[in-house]
Protein backbone atom coordinates (compact mmCIF):
# COMPACT_ATOMS: atom_id res chain seq x y z
CA MET A 1 7.31 -29.01 6.59
CA THR A 2 5.62 -25.63 6.12
CA PRO A 3 3.11 -25.44 3.25
CA VAL A 4 4.39 -23.26 0.42
CA SER A 5 1.71 -23.21 -2.26
CA SER A 6 -1.83 -21.90 -1.92
CA THR A 7 -3.08 -25.41 -2.59
CA GLU A 8 -0.97 -26.84 0.25
CA ILE A 9 -2.08 -24.08 2.59
CA ARG A 10 -5.74 -24.72 1.73
CA GLN A 11 -5.28 -28.44 2.37
CA GLN A 12 -3.68 -27.75 5.75
CA LEU A 13 -6.48 -25.33 6.67
CA HIS A 14 -9.06 -27.97 5.75
CA HIS A 15 -7.23 -30.42 8.00
CA TYR A 16 -7.23 -27.93 10.89
CA ILE A 17 -10.96 -27.41 10.48
CA ASP A 18 -11.60 -31.16 10.34
CA VAL A 19 -9.85 -31.82 13.66
CA ALA A 20 -10.65 -28.57 15.53
CA ASN A 21 -12.96 -28.47 18.53
CA ASP A 22 -16.09 -26.29 18.56
CA LYS A 23 -14.37 -23.43 20.39
CA ASP A 24 -11.56 -23.28 17.82
CA ILE A 25 -14.02 -23.48 14.92
CA ALA A 26 -15.96 -20.54 16.37
CA ALA A 27 -12.72 -18.55 16.78
CA MET A 28 -11.63 -19.29 13.20
CA PHE A 29 -15.05 -18.32 11.89
CA SER A 30 -15.05 -15.08 13.88
CA PHE A 31 -11.56 -14.23 12.60
CA MET A 32 -12.56 -14.83 8.98
CA GLU A 33 -15.77 -12.85 9.39
CA ASP A 34 -13.75 -9.91 10.70
CA LYS A 35 -11.33 -10.21 7.77
CA SER A 36 -14.12 -10.13 5.22
CA ALA A 37 -15.54 -6.90 6.66
CA GLN A 38 -14.65 -3.48 5.27
CA PRO A 39 -10.91 -2.88 5.80
CA TYR A 40 -9.93 -0.35 8.43
CA THR A 41 -9.09 3.10 7.11
CA PHE A 42 -6.46 5.06 9.01
CA THR A 43 -7.12 8.68 9.87
CA GLN A 44 -4.65 11.32 8.75
CA GLU A 45 -3.66 11.80 12.40
CA GLU A 46 -2.85 8.06 12.71
CA LEU A 47 -0.84 8.12 9.49
CA ASP A 48 1.07 11.22 10.60
CA GLU A 49 1.93 9.52 13.91
CA PHE A 50 3.05 6.36 12.11
CA TYR A 51 5.33 8.24 9.71
CA SER A 52 6.70 10.38 12.54
CA ARG A 53 7.61 7.29 14.56
CA ARG A 54 9.06 5.62 11.47
CA GLU A 55 11.33 8.59 10.75
CA LYS A 56 12.46 8.71 14.37
CA PHE A 57 13.28 4.98 14.25
CA LEU A 58 15.14 5.25 10.94
CA LYS A 59 17.26 8.09 12.31
CA GLY A 60 18.16 5.99 15.37
CA GLY A 61 16.09 8.03 17.79
CA SER A 62 14.00 5.17 19.11
CA ILE A 63 14.41 1.54 20.01
CA GLY A 64 12.79 -1.17 17.95
CA TYR A 65 11.73 -4.59 19.17
CA SER A 66 11.33 -7.81 17.26
CA VAL A 67 7.99 -9.60 17.34
CA GLU A 68 9.66 -12.35 19.34
CA ASP A 69 10.91 -9.84 21.94
CA VAL A 70 7.46 -8.33 22.34
CA HIS A 71 5.78 -11.73 22.65
CA SER A 72 8.35 -12.82 25.21
CA GLN A 73 7.81 -9.72 27.31
CA LEU A 74 4.03 -10.06 27.10
CA ARG A 75 4.20 -13.69 28.22
CA LYS A 76 6.32 -12.64 31.19
CA GLY A 77 3.80 -9.95 32.09
CA LYS A 78 6.25 -7.17 31.40
CA ASN A 79 4.87 -4.00 29.93
CA GLY A 80 8.06 -1.98 30.08
CA LEU A 81 8.65 -2.03 26.34
């Protein structure tokens, strides 16, 4: 069963930390440290590119891929997306 409340999620995270090995603990800590840093600010050029690609996709001018499709291709070593 997937946790649904913040309390359940916190409890599950505590469990993960309790049973994790040192390598996983270090990775979790590094991830959380990165998350607590100043959020990334996009440049105007990056935003323009994002909105341009979004418009092209919405008008049917480009192909979209699901996260699952991308992960599958990456696992296979395919970079033809």
